[in-house]
Amino acid sequence: AGDAPGLGANSMADYLGLTRLSHVDTTDTGGSAYLIHVAHAA
């Protein structure tokens, strides 16, 4: 979500070394975003 530095998922995926991604979600609704992420991941 919005706490990720740089260009969000673009920057963090590269920093983390995630090279096999087929799905990305940067929904940001403040503190509730991460529960939404669990639902969206499911």
PDB file of all heavy atoms in Angstrom:
ATOM      1  N   ALA A   1       0.847  -1.198   0.000  1.00  0.00           N
ATOM      2  CA  ALA A   1       0.000   0.000   0.000  1.00  0.00           C
ATOM      3  C   ALA A   1       0.878   1.243   0.000  1.00  0.00           C
ATOM      4  O   ALA A   1       2.045   1.207  -0.387  1.00  0.00           O
ATOM      5  CB  ALA A   1      -0.947  -0.027   1.198  1.00  0.00           C
ATOM      6  N   GLY A   2       0.310   2.363   0.445  1.00  0.00           N
ATOM      7  CA  GLY A   2       0.992   3.640   0.341  1.00  0.00           C
ATOM      8  C   GLY A   2       2.208   3.796   1.216  1.00  0.00           C
ATOM      9  O   GLY A   2       2.968   4.753   1.052  1.00  0.00           O
ATOM     10  N   ASP A   3       2.429   2.872   2.149  1.00  0.00           N
ATOM     11  CA  ASP A   3       3.632   2.932   2.973  1.00  0.00           C
ATOM     12  C   ASP A   3       4.868   2.459   2.223  1.00  0.00           C
ATOM     13  O   ASP A   3       5.992   2.716   2.649  1.00  0.00           O
ATOM     14  CB  ASP A   3       3.442   2.078   4.229  1.00  0.00           C
ATOM     15  CG  ASP A   3       3.110   0.633   3.882  1.00  0.00           C
ATOM     16  OD1 ASP A   3       1.934   0.349   3.602  1.00  0.00           O
ATOM     17  OD2 ASP A   3       4.017  -0.211   3.889  1.00  0.00           O
ATOM     18  N   ALA A   4       4.688   1.740   1.118  1.00  0.00           N
ATOM     19  CA  ALA A   4       5.817   1.240   0.344  1.00  0.00           C
ATOM     20  C   ALA A   4       6.551   2.411  -0.312  1.00  0.00           C
ATOM     21  O   ALA A   4       5.926   3.250  -0.961  1.00  0.00           O
ATOM     22  CB  ALA A   4       5.342   0.253  -0.714  1.00  0.00           C
ATOM     23  N   PRO A   5       7.859   2.490  -0.148  1.00  0.00           N
ATOM     24  CA  PRO A   5       8.601   3.632  -0.682  1.00  0.00           C
ATOM     25  C   PRO A   5       8.785   3.553  -2.191  1.00  0.00           C
ATOM     26  O   PRO A   5       8.631   2.492  -2.796  1.00  0.00           O
ATOM     27  CB  PRO A   5       9.951   3.527   0.032  1.00  0.00           C
ATOM     28  CG  PRO A   5      10.108   2.063   0.306  1.00  0.00           C
ATOM     29  CD  PRO A   5       8.723   1.555   0.581  1.00  0.00           C
ATOM     30  N   GLY A   6       9.129   4.692  -2.783  1.00  0.00           N
ATOM     31  CA  GLY A   6       9.367   4.728  -4.223  1.00  0.00           C
ATOM     32  C   GLY A   6       8.077   4.619  -5.006  1.00  0.00           C
ATOM     33  O   GLY A   6       7.029   5.128  -4.586  1.00  0.00           O
ATOM     34  N   LEU A   7       8.120   3.927  -6.109  1.00  0.00           N
ATOM     35  CA  LEU A   7       6.949   3.753  -6.954  1.00  0.00           C
ATOM     36  C   LEU A   7       6.187   2.501  -6.534  1.00  0.00           C
ATOM     37  O   LEU A   7       5.909   1.604  -7.335  1.00  0.00           O
ATOM     38  CB  LEU A   7       7.356   3.679  -8.433  1.00  0.00           C
ATOM     39  CG  LEU A   7       6.226   3.798  -9.473  1.00  0.00           C
ATOM     40  CD1 LEU A   7       5.431   5.082  -9.276  1.00  0.00           C
ATOM     41  CD2 LEU A   7       6.809   3.724 -10.887  1.00  0.00           C
ATOM     42  N   GLY A   8       5.886   2.438  -5.256  1.00  0.00           N
ATOM     43  CA  GLY A   8       5.061   1.360  -4.725  1.00  0.00           C
ATOM     44  C   GLY A   8       5.582  -0.019  -5.055  1.00  0.00           C
ATOM     45  O   GLY A   8       6.742  -0.349  -4.800  1.00  0.00           O
ATOM     46  N   ALA A   9       4.717  -0.835  -5.634  1.00  0.00           N
ATOM     47  CA  ALA A   9       5.062  -2.218  -5.932  1.00  0.00           C
ATOM     48  C   ALA A   9       6.221  -2.315  -6.914  1.00  0.00           C
ATOM     49  O   ALA A   9       7.036  -3.247  -6.833  1.00  0.00           O
ATOM     50  CB  ALA A   9       3.839  -2.950  -6.487  1.00  0.00           C
ATOM     51  N   ASN A  10       6.333  -1.368  -7.839  1.00  0.00           N
ATOM     52  CA  ASN A  10       7.444  -1.396  -8.791  1.00  0.00           C
ATOM     53  C   ASN A  10       8.779  -1.387  -8.061  1.00  0.00           C
ATOM     54  O   ASN A  10       9.668  -2.210  -8.319  1.00  0.00           O
ATOM     55  CB  ASN A  10       7.380  -0.187  -9.735  1.00  0.00           C
ATOM     56  CG  ASN A  10       6.254  -0.278 -10.732  1.00  0.00           C
ATOM     57  OD1 ASN A  10       5.278  -0.971 -10.497  1.00  0.00           O
ATOM     58  ND2 ASN A  10       6.384   0.428 -11.845  1.00  0.00           N
ATOM     59  N   SER A  11       8.925  -0.438  -7.154  1.00  0.00           N
ATOM     60  CA  SER A  11      10.186  -0.304  -6.426  1.00  0.00           C
ATOM     61  C   SER A  11      10.403  -1.472  -5.470  1.00  0.00           C
ATOM     62  O   SER A  11      11.505  -2.036  -5.395  1.00  0.00           O
ATOM     63  CB  SER A  11      10.200   1.013  -5.644  1.00  0.00           C
ATOM     64  OG  SER A  11      10.105   2.113  -6.512  1.00  0.00           O
ATOM     65  N   MET A  12       9.354  -1.842  -4.721  1.00  0.00           N
ATOM     66  CA  MET A  12       9.525  -2.865  -3.696  1.00  0.00           C
ATOM     67  C   MET A  12       9.738  -4.247  -4.294  1.00  0.00           C
ATOM     68  O   MET A  12      10.550  -5.032  -3.785  1.00  0.00           O
ATOM     69  CB  MET A  12       8.318  -2.880  -2.755  1.00  0.00           C
ATOM     70  CG  MET A  12       8.318  -1.765  -1.728  1.00  0.00           C
ATOM     71  SD  MET A  12       9.875  -1.596  -0.805  1.00  0.00           S
ATOM     72  CE  MET A  12      10.131  -3.265  -0.241  1.00  0.00           C
ATOM     73  N   ALA A  13       9.042  -4.592  -5.357  1.00  0.00           N
ATOM     74  CA  ALA A  13       9.231  -5.908  -5.975  1.00  0.00           C
ATOM     75  C   ALA A  13      10.662  -6.067  -6.469  1.00  0.00           C
ATOM     76  O   ALA A  13      11.290  -7.129  -6.311  1.00  0.00           O
ATOM     77  CB  ALA A  13       8.246  -6.098  -7.126  1.00  0.00           C
ATOM     78  N   ASP A  14      11.206  -4.995  -7.048  1.00  0.00           N
ATOM     79  CA  ASP A  14      12.581  -5.036  -7.518  1.00  0.00           C
ATOM     80  C   ASP A  14      13.545  -5.137  -6.343  1.00  0.00           C
ATOM     81  O   ASP A  14      14.505  -5.919  -6.372  1.00  0.00           O
ATOM     82  CB  ASP A  14      12.869  -3.784  -8.354  1.00  0.00           C
ATOM     83  CG  ASP A  14      14.195  -3.854  -9.079  1.00  0.00           C
ATOM     84  OD1 ASP A  14      14.548  -4.940  -9.579  1.00  0.00           O
ATOM     85  OD2 ASP A  14      14.886  -2.818  -9.150  1.00  0.00           O
ATOM     86  N   TYR A  15      13.296  -4.357  -5.294  1.00  0.00           N
ATOM     87  CA  TYR A  15      14.150  -4.373  -4.108  1.00  0.00           C
ATOM     88  C   TYR A  15      14.138  -5.748  -3.445  1.00  0.00           C
ATOM     89  O   TYR A  15      15.174  -6.245  -2.985  1.00  0.00           O
ATOM     90  CB  TYR A  15      13.674  -3.301  -3.135  1.00  0.00           C
ATOM     91  CG  TYR A  15      14.513  -3.153  -1.889  1.00  0.00           C
ATOM     92  CD1 TYR A  15      15.645  -2.345  -1.871  1.00  0.00           C
ATOM     93  CD2 TYR A  15      14.158  -3.807  -0.710  1.00  0.00           C
ATOM     94  CE1 TYR A  15      16.410  -2.193  -0.728  1.00  0.00           C
ATOM     95  CE2 TYR A  15      14.916  -3.669   0.448  1.00  0.00           C
ATOM     96  CZ  TYR A  15      16.038  -2.864   0.431  1.00  0.00           C
ATOM     97  OH  TYR A  15      16.795  -2.724   1.570  1.00  0.00           O
ATOM     98  N   LEU A  16      12.971  -6.365  -3.392  1.00  0.00           N
ATOM     99  CA  LEU A  16      12.837  -7.669  -2.739  1.00  0.00           C
ATOM    100  C   LEU A  16      13.357  -8.818  -3.595  1.00  0.00           C
ATOM    101  O   LEU A  16      13.595  -9.915  -3.091  1.00  0.00           O
ATOM    102  CB  LEU A  16      11.365  -7.931  -2.387  1.00  0.00           C
ATOM    103  CG  LEU A  16      10.740  -7.038  -1.321  1.00  0.00           C
ATOM    104  CD1 LEU A  16       9.237  -7.275  -1.229  1.00  0.00           C
ATOM    105  CD2 LEU A  16      11.392  -7.277   0.031  1.00  0.00           C
ATOM    106  N   GLY A  17      13.499  -8.586  -4.887  1.00  0.00           N
ATOM    107  CA  GLY A  17      13.934  -9.656  -5.780  1.00  0.00           C
ATOM    108  C   GLY A  17      12.805 -10.582  -6.193  1.00  0.00           C
ATOM    109  O   GLY A  17      13.016 -11.781  -6.408  1.00  0.00           O
ATOM    110  N   LEU A  18      11.598 -10.019  -6.319  1.00  0.00           N
ATOM    111  CA  LEU A  18      10.443 -10.811  -6.759  1.00  0.00           C
ATOM    112  C   LEU A  18      10.425 -10.807  -8.293  1.00  0.00           C
ATOM    113  O   LEU A  18      10.055  -9.814  -8.917  1.00  0.00           O
ATOM    114  CB  LEU A  18       9.150 -10.224  -6.196  1.00  0.00           C
ATOM    115  CG  LEU A  18       9.056 -10.186  -4.667  1.00  0.00           C
ATOM    116  CD1 LEU A  18       7.796  -9.450  -4.226  1.00  0.00           C
ATOM    117  CD2 LEU A  18       9.082 -11.595  -4.089  1.00  0.00           C
ATOM    118  N   THR A  19      10.802 -11.898  -8.888  1.00  0.00           N
ATOM    119  CA  THR A  19      10.985 -11.958 -10.349  1.00  0.00           C
ATOM    120  C   THR A  19       9.963 -12.828 -11.064  1.00  0.00           C
ATOM    121  O   THR A  19      10.014 -12.947 -12.290  1.00  0.00           O
ATOM    122  CB  THR A  19      12.396 -12.481 -10.676  1.00  0.00           C
ATOM    123  OG1 THR A  19      12.552 -13.805 -10.128  1.00  0.00           O
ATOM    124  CG2 THR A  19      13.464 -11.557 -10.094  1.00  0.00           C
ATOM    125  N   ARG A  20       9.024 -13.426 -10.308  1.00  0.00           N
ATOM    126  CA  ARG A  20       8.072 -14.347 -10.924  1.00  0.00           C
ATOM    127  C   ARG A  20       6.625 -13.870 -10.753  1.00  0.00           C
ATOM    128  O   ARG A  20       5.692 -14.667 -10.755  1.00  0.00           O
ATOM    129  CB  ARG A  20       8.225 -15.748 -10.310  1.00  0.00           C
ATOM    130  CG  ARG A  20       9.589 -16.369 -10.514  1.00  0.00           C
ATOM    131  CD  ARG A  20       9.669 -17.783  -9.936  1.00  0.00           C
ATOM    132  NE  ARG A  20       8.684 -18.668 -10.556  1.00  0.00           N
ATOM    133  CZ  ARG A  20       7.608 -19.138  -9.922  1.00  0.00           C
ATOM    134  NH1 ARG A  20       7.354 -18.790  -8.667  1.00  0.00           N
ATOM    135  NH2 ARG A  20       6.774 -19.956 -10.545  1.00  0.00           N
ATOM    136  N   LEU A  21       6.431 -12.569 -10.626  1.00  0.00           N
ATOM    137  CA  LEU A  21       5.099 -12.056 -10.330  1.00  0.00           C
ATOM    138  C   LEU A  21       4.165 -12.153 -11.531  1.00  0.00           C
ATOM    139  O   LEU A  21       4.516 -11.783 -12.647  1.00  0.00           O
ATOM    140  CB  LEU A  21       5.187 -10.595  -9.877  1.00  0.00           C
ATOM    141  CG  LEU A  21       5.933 -10.340  -8.564  1.00  0.00           C
ATOM    142  CD1 LEU A  21       5.955  -8.854  -8.249  1.00  0.00           C
ATOM    143  CD2 LEU A  21       5.289 -11.118  -7.422  1.00  0.00           C
ATOM    144  N   SER A  22       2.953 -12.619 -11.237  1.00  0.00           N
ATOM    145  CA  SER A  22       1.882 -12.646 -12.245  1.00  0.00           C
ATOM    146  C   SER A  22       0.667 -11.852 -11.782  1.00  0.00           C
ATOM    147  O   SER A  22      -0.302 -11.710 -12.523  1.00  0.00           O
ATOM    148  CB  SER A  22       1.468 -14.090 -12.546  1.00  0.00           C
ATOM    149  OG  SER A  22       1.024 -14.754 -11.372  1.00  0.00           O
ATOM    150  N   HIS A  23       0.729 -11.348 -10.540  1.00  0.00           N
ATOM    151  CA  HIS A  23      -0.383 -10.558 -10.019  1.00  0.00           C
ATOM    152  C   HIS A  23       0.148  -9.549  -9.007  1.00  0.00           C
ATOM    153  O   HIS A  23       0.958  -9.900  -8.135  1.00  0.00           O
ATOM    154  CB  HIS A  23      -1.434 -11.455  -9.351  1.00  0.00           C
ATOM    155  CG  HIS A  23      -2.686 -10.725  -8.994  1.00  0.00           C
ATOM    156  ND1 HIS A  23      -3.678 -10.449  -9.898  1.00  0.00           N
ATOM    157  CD2 HIS A  23      -3.105 -10.193  -7.813  1.00  0.00           C
ATOM    158  CE1 HIS A  23      -4.665  -9.783  -9.305  1.00  0.00           C
ATOM    159  NE2 HIS A  23      -4.332  -9.623  -8.044  1.00  0.00           N
ATOM    160  N   VAL A  24      -0.291  -8.294  -9.128  1.00  0.00           N
ATOM    161  CA  VAL A  24       0.147  -7.209  -8.241  1.00  0.00           C
ATOM    162  C   VAL A  24      -1.081  -6.394  -7.841  1.00  0.00           C
ATOM    163  O   VAL A  24      -1.981  -6.164  -8.647  1.00  0.00           O
ATOM    164  CB  VAL A  24       1.174  -6.293  -8.939  1.00  0.00           C
ATOM    165  CG1 VAL A  24       1.540  -5.125  -8.041  1.00  0.00           C
ATOM    166  CG2 VAL A  24       2.415  -7.079  -9.322  1.00  0.00           C
ATOM    167  N   ASP A  25      -1.111  -5.941  -6.572  1.00  0.00           N
ATOM    168  CA  ASP A  25      -2.231  -5.143  -6.075  1.00  0.00           C
ATOM    169  C   ASP A  25      -1.683  -4.100  -5.118  1.00  0.00           C
ATOM    170  O   ASP A  25      -0.997  -4.437  -4.151  1.00  0.00           O
ATOM    171  CB  ASP A  25      -3.244  -6.046  -5.362  1.00  0.00           C
ATOM    172  CG  ASP A  25      -4.544  -5.348  -4.996  1.00  0.00           C
ATOM    173  OD1 ASP A  25      -4.503  -4.167  -4.616  1.00  0.00           O
ATOM    174  OD2 ASP A  25      -5.597  -6.004  -5.058  1.00  0.00           O
ATOM    175  N   THR A  26      -1.972  -2.820  -5.394  1.00  0.00           N
ATOM    176  CA  THR A  26      -1.501  -1.733  -4.527  1.00  0.00           C
ATOM    177  C   THR A  26      -2.666  -0.941  -3.945  1.00  0.00           C
ATOM    178  O   THR A  26      -2.556   0.263  -3.710  1.00  0.00           O
ATOM    179  CB  THR A  26      -0.564  -0.789  -5.304  1.00  0.00           C
ATOM    180  OG1 THR A  26      -1.269  -0.265  -6.440  1.00  0.00           O
ATOM    181  CG2 THR A  26       0.684  -1.520  -5.774  1.00  0.00           C
ATOM    182  N   THR A  27      -3.782  -1.603  -3.690  1.00  0.00           N
ATOM    183  CA  THR A  27      -4.926  -0.955  -3.061  1.00  0.00           C
ATOM    184  C   THR A  27      -4.489  -0.252  -1.771  1.00  0.00           C
ATOM    185  O   THR A  27      -3.817  -0.839  -0.929  1.00  0.00           O
ATOM    186  CB  THR A  27      -6.012  -1.993  -2.724  1.00  0.00           C
ATOM    187  OG1 THR A  27      -6.465  -2.599  -3.926  1.00  0.00           O
ATOM    188  CG2 THR A  27      -7.178  -1.351  -1.997  1.00  0.00           C
ATOM    189  N   ASP A  28      -4.889   1.005  -1.620  1.00  0.00           N
ATOM    190  CA  ASP A  28      -4.536   1.753  -0.413  1.00  0.00           C
ATOM    191  C   ASP A  28      -5.775   2.411   0.176  1.00  0.00           C
ATOM    192  O   ASP A  28      -6.339   3.337  -0.396  1.00  0.00           O
ATOM    193  CB  ASP A  28      -3.485   2.815  -0.722  1.00  0.00           C
ATOM    194  CG  ASP A  28      -2.908   3.437   0.548  1.00  0.00           C
ATOM    195  OD1 ASP A  28      -3.240   2.961   1.652  1.00  0.00           O
ATOM    196  OD2 ASP A  28      -2.110   4.384   0.427  1.00  0.00           O
ATOM    197  N   THR A  29      -6.202   1.906   1.304  1.00  0.00           N
ATOM    198  CA  THR A  29      -7.304   2.500   2.065  1.00  0.00           C
ATOM    199  C   THR A  29      -6.844   2.751   3.502  1.00  0.00           C
ATOM    200  O   THR A  29      -7.588   2.544   4.454  1.00  0.00           O
ATOM    201  CB  THR A  29      -8.537   1.576   2.061  1.00  0.00           C
ATOM    202  OG1 THR A  29      -8.162   0.292   2.601  1.00  0.00           O
ATOM    203  CG2 THR A  29      -9.088   1.399   0.658  1.00  0.00           C
ATOM    204  N   GLY A  30      -5.580   3.183   3.643  1.00  0.00           N
ATOM    205  CA  GLY A  30      -5.040   3.417   4.972  1.00  0.00           C
ATOM    206  C   GLY A  30      -4.839   2.109   5.723  1.00  0.00           C
ATOM    207  O   GLY A  30      -4.449   1.095   5.152  1.00  0.00           O
ATOM    208  N   GLY A  31      -5.119   2.133   7.023  1.00  0.00           N
ATOM    209  CA  GLY A  31      -4.870   0.973   7.868  1.00  0.00           C
ATOM    210  C   GLY A  31      -5.691  -0.251   7.539  1.00  0.00           C
ATOM    211  O   GLY A  31      -5.336  -1.369   7.939  1.00  0.00           O
ATOM    212  N   SER A  32      -6.785  -0.091   6.815  1.00  0.00           N
ATOM    213  CA  SER A  32      -7.609  -1.244   6.439  1.00  0.00           C
ATOM    214  C   SER A  32      -7.101  -1.940   5.189  1.00  0.00           C
ATOM    215  O   SER A  32      -7.590  -3.025   4.836  1.00  0.00           O
ATOM    216  CB  SER A  32      -9.063  -0.808   6.226  1.00  0.00           C
ATOM    217  OG  SER A  32      -9.148   0.160   5.189  1.00  0.00           O
ATOM    218  N   ALA A  33      -6.112  -1.348   4.509  1.00  0.00           N
ATOM    219  CA  ALA A  33      -5.680  -1.867   3.205  1.00  0.00           C
ATOM    220  C   ALA A  33      -5.200  -3.308   3.273  1.00  0.00           C
ATOM    221  O   ALA A  33      -5.445  -4.097   2.354  1.00  0.00           O
ATOM    222  CB  ALA A  33      -4.574  -0.977   2.635  1.00  0.00           C
ATOM    223  N   TYR A  34      -4.543  -3.675   4.370  1.00  0.00           N
ATOM    224  CA  TYR A  34      -3.875  -4.973   4.420  1.00  0.00           C
ATOM    225  C   TYR A  34      -4.867  -6.110   4.631  1.00  0.00           C
ATOM    226  O   TYR A  34      -4.615  -7.239   4.208  1.00  0.00           O
ATOM    227  CB  TYR A  34      -2.783  -4.930   5.497  1.00  0.00           C
ATOM    228  CG  TYR A  34      -2.007  -3.645   5.344  1.00  0.00           C
ATOM    229  CD1 TYR A  34      -2.370  -2.504   6.073  1.00  0.00           C
ATOM    230  CD2 TYR A  34      -1.018  -3.525   4.390  1.00  0.00           C
ATOM    231  CE1 TYR A  34      -1.731  -1.294   5.879  1.00  0.00           C
ATOM    232  CE2 TYR A  34      -0.369  -2.318   4.182  1.00  0.00           C
ATOM    233  CZ  TYR A  34      -0.731  -1.200   4.921  1.00  0.00           C
ATOM    234  OH  TYR A  34      -0.116   0.001   4.693  1.00  0.00           O
ATOM    235  N   LEU A  35      -6.001  -5.827   5.255  1.00  0.00           N
ATOM    236  CA  LEU A  35      -7.075  -6.817   5.320  1.00  0.00           C
ATOM    237  C   LEU A  35      -7.710  -6.969   3.949  1.00  0.00           C
ATOM    238  O   LEU A  35      -8.058  -8.081   3.537  1.00  0.00           O
ATOM    239  CB  LEU A  35      -8.125  -6.423   6.362  1.00  0.00           C
ATOM    240  CG  LEU A  35      -7.684  -6.519   7.816  1.00  0.00           C
ATOM    241  CD1 LEU A  35      -7.003  -5.241   8.283  1.00  0.00           C
ATOM    242  CD2 LEU A  35      -8.861  -6.847   8.733  1.00  0.00           C
ATOM    243  N   ILE A  36      -7.851  -5.850   3.237  1.00  0.00           N
ATOM    244  CA  ILE A  36      -8.345  -5.919   1.862  1.00  0.00           C
ATOM    245  C   ILE A  36      -7.362  -6.701   1.001  1.00  0.00           C
ATOM    246  O   ILE A  36      -7.769  -7.489   0.129  1.00  0.00           O
ATOM    247  CB  ILE A  36      -8.580  -4.504   1.302  1.00  0.00           C
ATOM    248  CG1 ILE A  36      -9.773  -3.854   2.023  1.00  0.00           C
ATOM    249  CG2 ILE A  36      -8.813  -4.525  -0.201  1.00  0.00           C
ATOM    250  CD1 ILE A  36     -10.059  -2.427   1.600  1.00  0.00           C
ATOM    251  N   HIS A  37      -6.065  -6.540   1.254  1.00  0.00           N
ATOM    252  CA  HIS A  37      -5.069  -7.299   0.500  1.00  0.00           C
ATOM    253  C   HIS A  37      -5.249  -8.805   0.699  1.00  0.00           C
ATOM    254  O   HIS A  37      -5.119  -9.582  -0.250  1.00  0.00           O
ATOM    255  CB  HIS A  37      -3.658  -6.896   0.929  1.00  0.00           C
ATOM    256  CG  HIS A  37      -3.260  -5.534   0.478  1.00  0.00           C
ATOM    257  ND1 HIS A  37      -2.142  -4.885   0.960  1.00  0.00           N
ATOM    258  CD2 HIS A  37      -3.823  -4.667  -0.400  1.00  0.00           C
ATOM    259  CE1 HIS A  37      -2.040  -3.700   0.398  1.00  0.00           C
ATOM    260  NE2 HIS A  37      -3.048  -3.545  -0.427  1.00  0.00           N
ATOM    261  N   VAL A  38      -5.530  -9.220   1.929  1.00  0.00           N
ATOM    262  CA  VAL A  38      -5.766 -10.646   2.171  1.00  0.00           C
ATOM    263  C   VAL A  38      -6.961 -11.123   1.357  1.00  0.00           C
ATOM    264  O   VAL A  38      -6.919 -12.179   0.708  1.00  0.00           O
ATOM    265  CB  VAL A  38      -5.987 -10.927   3.668  1.00  0.00           C
ATOM    266  CG1 VAL A  38      -6.407 -12.384   3.886  1.00  0.00           C
ATOM    267  CG2 VAL A  38      -4.722 -10.619   4.464  1.00  0.00           C
ATOM    268  N   ALA A  39      -8.037 -10.336   1.374  1.00  0.00           N
ATOM    269  CA  ALA A  39      -9.228 -10.706   0.607  1.00  0.00           C
ATOM    270  C   ALA A  39      -8.943 -10.727  -0.890  1.00  0.00           C
ATOM    271  O   ALA A  39      -9.345 -11.650  -1.607  1.00  0.00           O
ATOM    272  CB  ALA A  39     -10.371  -9.737   0.911  1.00  0.00           C
ATOM    273  N   HIS A  40      -8.223  -9.713  -1.372  1.00  0.00           N
ATOM    274  CA  HIS A  40      -7.899  -9.654  -2.800  1.00  0.00           C
ATOM    275  C   HIS A  40      -6.934 -10.769  -3.195  1.00  0.00           C
ATOM    276  O   HIS A  40      -7.016 -11.300  -4.316  1.00  0.00           O
ATOM    277  CB  HIS A  40      -7.308  -8.296  -3.147  1.00  0.00           C
ATOM    278  CG  HIS A  40      -8.317  -7.188  -3.127  1.00  0.00           C
ATOM    279  ND1 HIS A  40      -8.041  -5.918  -3.584  1.00  0.00           N
ATOM    280  CD2 HIS A  40      -9.613  -7.154  -2.716  1.00  0.00           C
ATOM    281  CE1 HIS A  40      -9.105  -5.150  -3.451  1.00  0.00           C
ATOM    282  NE2 HIS A  40     -10.072  -5.877  -2.912  1.00  0.00           N
ATOM    283  N   ALA A  41      -6.024 -11.118  -2.298  1.00  0.00           N
ATOM    284  CA  ALA A  41      -5.130 -12.244  -2.576  1.00  0.00           C
ATOM    285  C   ALA A  41      -5.924 -13.534  -2.692  1.00  0.00           C
ATOM    286  O   ALA A  41      -5.675 -14.359  -3.590  1.00  0.00           O
ATOM    287  CB  ALA A  41      -4.079 -12.362  -1.478  1.00  0.00           C
ATOM    288  N   ALA A  42      -6.888 -13.719  -1.807  1.00  0.00           N
ATOM    289  CA  ALA A  42      -7.740 -14.908  -1.884  1.00  0.00           C
ATOM    290  C   ALA A  42      -8.534 -14.925  -3.184  1.00  0.00           C
ATOM    291  O   ALA A  42      -8.700 -15.979  -3.815  1.00  0.00           O
ATOM    292  CB  ALA A  42      -8.678 -14.950  -0.673  1.00  0.00           C
TER     293      ALA A  42
END
